[in-house]
Amino acid sequence: MQGQLSVEELLALRALSVCVGAVLGGLLAEALGSYALLTAVIGGLLGYVAPMLVLDRLAQRRRQAIEEALPNTLDVLVVSLEAGLAFDTSVAYICERLDNPVTAEFRLFLADLRVGRPRRDALARMVERTASDEIRRFTNEVLQADLLGVGLARALHAQIELMRAERRQRADELAREVPVKLLFPMVVFILPVLLIVLLGPALLILLRTFKELG
């Protein structure tokens, strides 16, 4: 996924999107018979914005996938560290045996190390690519362990427990929001039908009664 679209290609795609949007807007105006310039401008603006919206959405989905896979991946990393492997060796071990968005980033991290980048810079590049707070916390733990010379496995274990606790908390919050989100559809769509079903026969009987009395 990483590195498939350069900055130049993105700018070219954006320019193409602007042209396509303007052309489609002009064709729509021609079909409607008026406001050709206005619709062409609107189409061009939409074409200018659309690629970045799509890119932001893809980045958000990838970030979510990384954060979902991170706890289980770090579990394997902790086991490797507790077995006596060094951090870089443990990361390489994980990359050989797992394939998920986190290990994809780890492979890029190892590639940075192989070309001579310091570990701090390689970790910083990983944070920049993912824009994930949890990846940032992970890299901070690694750097702090290097700086203080303390065991990394225990710190990562605490981070894993924290991430899972936060996920449970978010799941509970989403579960509490469900009744509120269902209230509007129930009032708009279900309640009128329910009233018709319950009160309809009674109204028919009343109308028939009034008609007979009349």
Protein backbone atom coordinates (compact mmCIF):
# COMPACT_ATOMS: atom_id res chain seq x y z
CA MET A 1 0.00 0.00 0.00
CA GLN A 2 2.76 2.39 0.90
CA GLY A 3 4.60 4.22 -1.84
CA GLN A 4 2.16 3.41 -4.63
CA LEU A 5 1.25 7.04 -5.34
CA SER A 6 3.86 9.78 -5.48
CA VAL A 7 3.21 13.48 -4.88
CA GLU A 8 3.53 14.19 -8.61
CA GLU A 9 1.02 11.43 -9.43
CA LEU A 10 -1.39 12.77 -6.83
CA LEU A 11 -1.18 16.29 -8.27
CA ALA A 12 -1.71 14.90 -11.78
CA LEU A 13 -4.72 12.91 -10.55
CA ARG A 14 -6.12 16.02 -8.92
CA ALA A 15 -5.70 18.04 -12.12
CA LEU A 16 -7.39 15.28 -14.11
CA SER A 17 -10.22 15.19 -11.60
CA VAL A 18 -10.72 18.96 -11.95
CA CYS A 19 -10.90 18.65 -15.74
CA VAL A 20 -13.32 15.74 -15.59
CA GLY A 21 -15.50 17.56 -13.07
CA ALA A 22 -15.58 20.71 -15.19
CA VAL A 23 -16.44 18.74 -18.34
CA LEU A 24 -19.19 16.80 -16.61
CA GLY A 25 -20.56 20.04 -15.17
CA GLY A 26 -20.57 21.62 -18.63
CA LEU A 27 -22.31 18.58 -20.14
CA LEU A 28 -24.93 18.69 -17.42
CA ALA A 29 -25.54 22.37 -18.07
CA GLU A 30 -25.83 21.68 -21.79
CA ALA A 31 -28.40 19.00 -21.08
CA LEU A 32 -30.35 21.37 -18.84
CA GLY A 33 -29.94 24.24 -21.27
CA SER A 34 -28.56 26.90 -18.90
CA TYR A 35 -25.85 27.93 -16.43
CA ALA A 36 -23.04 26.21 -18.32
CA LEU A 37 -20.25 28.27 -16.77
CA LEU A 38 -21.59 27.95 -13.24
CA THR A 39 -22.01 24.18 -13.38
CA ALA A 40 -18.57 23.79 -14.98
CA VAL A 41 -17.00 25.78 -12.11
CA ILE A 42 -18.89 23.75 -9.52
CA GLY A 43 -17.86 20.53 -11.23
CA GLY A 44 -14.24 21.67 -11.26
CA LEU A 45 -14.35 22.51 -7.55
CA LEU A 46 -15.84 19.14 -6.75
CA GLY A 47 -13.16 17.49 -8.85
CA TYR A 48 -10.51 19.44 -6.96
CA VAL A 49 -11.80 18.34 -3.55
CA ALA A 50 -12.79 14.75 -4.34
CA PRO A 51 -9.29 13.14 -4.54
CA MET A 52 -8.27 14.51 -1.14
CA LEU A 53 -11.53 13.33 0.43
CA VAL A 54 -10.94 9.85 -0.96
CA LEU A 55 -7.32 9.93 0.19
CA ASP A 56 -8.31 11.04 3.70
CA ARG A 57 -10.88 8.26 3.87
CA LEU A 58 -8.35 5.63 2.78
CA ALA A 59 -5.82 6.95 5.30
CA GLN A 60 -8.41 6.79 8.07
CA ARG A 61 -9.33 3.21 7.17
CA ARG A 62 -5.67 2.17 7.14
CA ARG A 63 -5.06 3.87 10.50
CA GLN A 64 -8.01 2.00 11.98
CA ALA A 65 -6.72 -1.28 10.56
CA ILE A 66 -3.29 -0.62 12.08
CA GLU A 67 -4.72 0.17 15.51
CA GLU A 68 -6.95 -2.91 15.43
CA ALA A 69 -4.00 -5.19 14.60
CA LEU A 70 -1.53 -3.52 16.96
CA PRO A 71 -2.39 -5.25 20.30
CA ASN A 72 -2.08 -8.80 18.93
CA THR A 73 1.10 -7.90 17.05
CA LEU A 74 2.64 -6.40 20.16
CA ASP A 75 1.70 -9.54 22.08
CA VAL A 76 3.97 -11.53 19.76
CA LEU A 77 6.65 -8.87 20.06
CA VAL A 78 6.54 -9.05 23.86
CA VAL A 79 6.87 -12.84 23.76
CA SER A 80 9.90 -12.50 21.48
CA LEU A 81 11.50 -9.92 23.75
CA GLU A 82 10.90 -12.06 26.82
CA ALA A 83 12.55 -14.97 24.99
CA GLY A 84 15.74 -12.91 24.86
CA LEU A 85 15.66 -11.54 21.31
CA ALA A 86 16.73 -7.96 20.61
CA PHE A 87 14.10 -5.47 19.50
CA ASP A 88 15.13 -5.33 15.83
CA THR A 89 15.45 -9.11 15.69
CA SER A 90 12.01 -9.49 17.27
CA VAL A 91 10.50 -7.13 14.72
CA ALA A 92 12.12 -9.11 11.89
CA TYR A 93 10.79 -12.34 13.42
CA ILE A 94 7.26 -10.93 13.51
CA CYS A 95 7.48 -9.72 9.90
CA GLU A 96 8.38 -13.23 8.78
CA ARG A 97 5.39 -14.84 10.51
CA LEU A 98 2.61 -12.25 10.42
CA ASP A 99 1.08 -10.25 7.61
CA ASN A 100 -1.06 -7.30 8.66
CA PRO A 101 -0.91 -3.48 8.40
CA VAL A 102 1.38 -3.27 11.45
CA THR A 103 3.94 -5.70 10.05
CA ALA A 104 3.81 -3.79 6.76
CA GLU A 105 4.95 -0.72 8.67
CA PHE A 106 7.55 -2.80 10.54
CA ARG A 107 8.99 -3.93 7.20
CA LEU A 108 9.40 -0.32 6.15
CA PHE A 109 11.02 0.37 9.53
CA LEU A 110 13.52 -2.45 8.95
CA ALA A 111 14.18 -1.18 5.43
CA ASP A 112 15.04 2.24 6.88
CA LEU A 113 17.47 0.59 9.29
CA ARG A 114 19.13 -1.34 6.46
CA VAL A 115 19.84 1.85 4.50
CA GLY A 116 21.57 3.33 7.54
CA ARG A 117 18.91 5.46 9.22
CA PRO A 118 19.08 5.66 13.02
CA ARG A 119 16.38 3.80 14.90
CA ARG A 120 14.92 7.07 16.20
CA ASP A 121 14.52 8.43 12.67
CA ALA A 122 13.05 5.17 11.39
CA LEU A 123 10.49 5.14 14.19
CA ALA A 124 9.67 8.81 13.57
CA ARG A 125 9.02 8.02 9.91
CA MET A 126 6.66 5.23 10.94
CA VAL A 127 4.72 7.63 13.15
CA GLU A 128 4.56 10.16 10.32
CA ARG A 129 3.27 7.55 7.85
CA THR A 130 0.55 6.18 10.09
CA ALA A 131 -0.52 9.35 11.96
CA SER A 132 -1.62 7.00 14.75
CA ASP A 133 -1.52 7.97 18.42
CA GLU A 134 -1.08 4.34 19.44
CA ILE A 135 1.90 3.91 17.12
CA ARG A 136 3.32 7.13 18.57
CA ARG A 137 2.94 5.73 22.10
CA PHE A 138 4.62 2.51 21.01
CA THR A 139 7.60 4.32 19.51
CA ASN A 140 7.90 6.49 22.63
CA GLU A 141 8.08 3.35 24.76
CA VAL A 142 10.83 1.95 22.53
CA LEU A 143 12.86 5.15 22.61
CA GLN A 144 12.41 5.56 26.36
CA ALA A 145 13.55 1.98 26.96
CA ASP A 146 16.64 2.64 24.83
CA LEU A 147 17.37 5.86 26.69
CA LEU A 148 16.89 4.52 30.21
CA GLY A 149 18.13 1.00 29.57
CA VAL A 150 15.02 -0.59 31.08
CA GLY A 151 13.11 -3.66 29.93
CA LEU A 152 10.85 -2.96 26.97
CA ALA A 153 8.65 -6.03 27.35
CA ARG A 154 7.03 -4.87 30.59
CA ALA A 155 6.33 -1.37 29.20
CA LEU A 156 4.78 -2.83 26.04
CA HIS A 157 2.67 -5.22 28.08
CA ALA A 158 1.26 -2.25 30.01
CA GLN A 159 0.55 -0.42 26.74
CA ILE A 160 -1.27 -3.47 25.35
CA GLU A 161 -3.50 -3.64 28.43
CA LEU A 162 -4.21 0.09 28.13
CA MET A 163 -5.13 -0.21 24.44
CA ARG A 164 -7.52 -3.07 25.13
CA ALA A 165 -9.09 -1.20 28.04
CA GLU A 166 -9.63 1.83 25.79
CA ARG A 167 -11.23 -0.38 23.14
CA ARG A 168 -13.61 -1.86 25.71
CA GLN A 169 -14.48 1.63 26.88
CA ARG A 170 -15.18 2.80 23.31
CA ALA A 171 -17.31 -0.30 22.70
CA ASP A 172 -19.32 0.45 25.84
CA GLU A 173 -19.80 4.06 24.75
CA LEU A 174 -21.00 2.97 21.30
CA ALA A 175 -23.39 0.49 22.91
CA ARG A 176 -24.84 3.26 25.09
CA GLU A 177 -25.32 5.46 22.02
CA VAL A 178 -27.36 2.85 20.14
CA PRO A 179 -30.73 3.57 21.83
CA VAL A 180 -30.35 7.30 21.17
CA LYS A 181 -29.50 6.68 17.51
CA LEU A 182 -32.47 4.35 17.13
CA LEU A 183 -34.90 6.84 18.65
CA PHE A 184 -35.29 9.00 15.52
CA PRO A 185 -35.91 6.10 13.06
CA MET A 186 -38.38 4.59 15.52
CA VAL A 187 -40.32 7.84 15.91
CA VAL A 188 -40.33 8.64 12.19
CA PHE A 189 -40.81 5.21 10.62
CA ILE A 190 -41.95 2.63 13.18
CA LEU A 191 -44.26 4.61 15.47
CA PRO A 192 -46.63 5.87 12.71
CA VAL A 193 -47.01 2.33 11.35
CA LEU A 194 -47.62 1.03 14.86
CA LEU A 195 -50.28 3.68 15.46
CA ILE A 196 -51.98 2.80 12.19
CA VAL A 197 -52.01 -0.89 13.07
CA LEU A 198 -53.32 -0.31 16.60
CA LEU A 199 -55.72 2.57 16.02
CA GLY A 200 -56.79 1.83 12.44
CA PRO A 201 -59.47 -0.76 13.27
CA ALA A 202 -60.86 1.43 16.04
CA LEU A 203 -61.07 4.42 13.68
CA LEU A 204 -62.83 2.31 11.06
CA ILE A 205 -65.36 1.17 13.64
CA LEU A 206 -65.96 4.77 14.75
CA LEU A 207 -66.39 5.94 11.16
CA ARG A 208 -68.82 3.11 10.46
CA THR A 209 -70.74 3.96 13.62
CA PHE A 210 -70.97 7.66 12.73
CA LYS A 211 -72.10 6.75 9.23
CA GLU A 212 -74.85 4.54 10.55
CA LEU A 213 -75.99 7.20 13.00
CA GLY A 214 -75.93 9.80 10.29
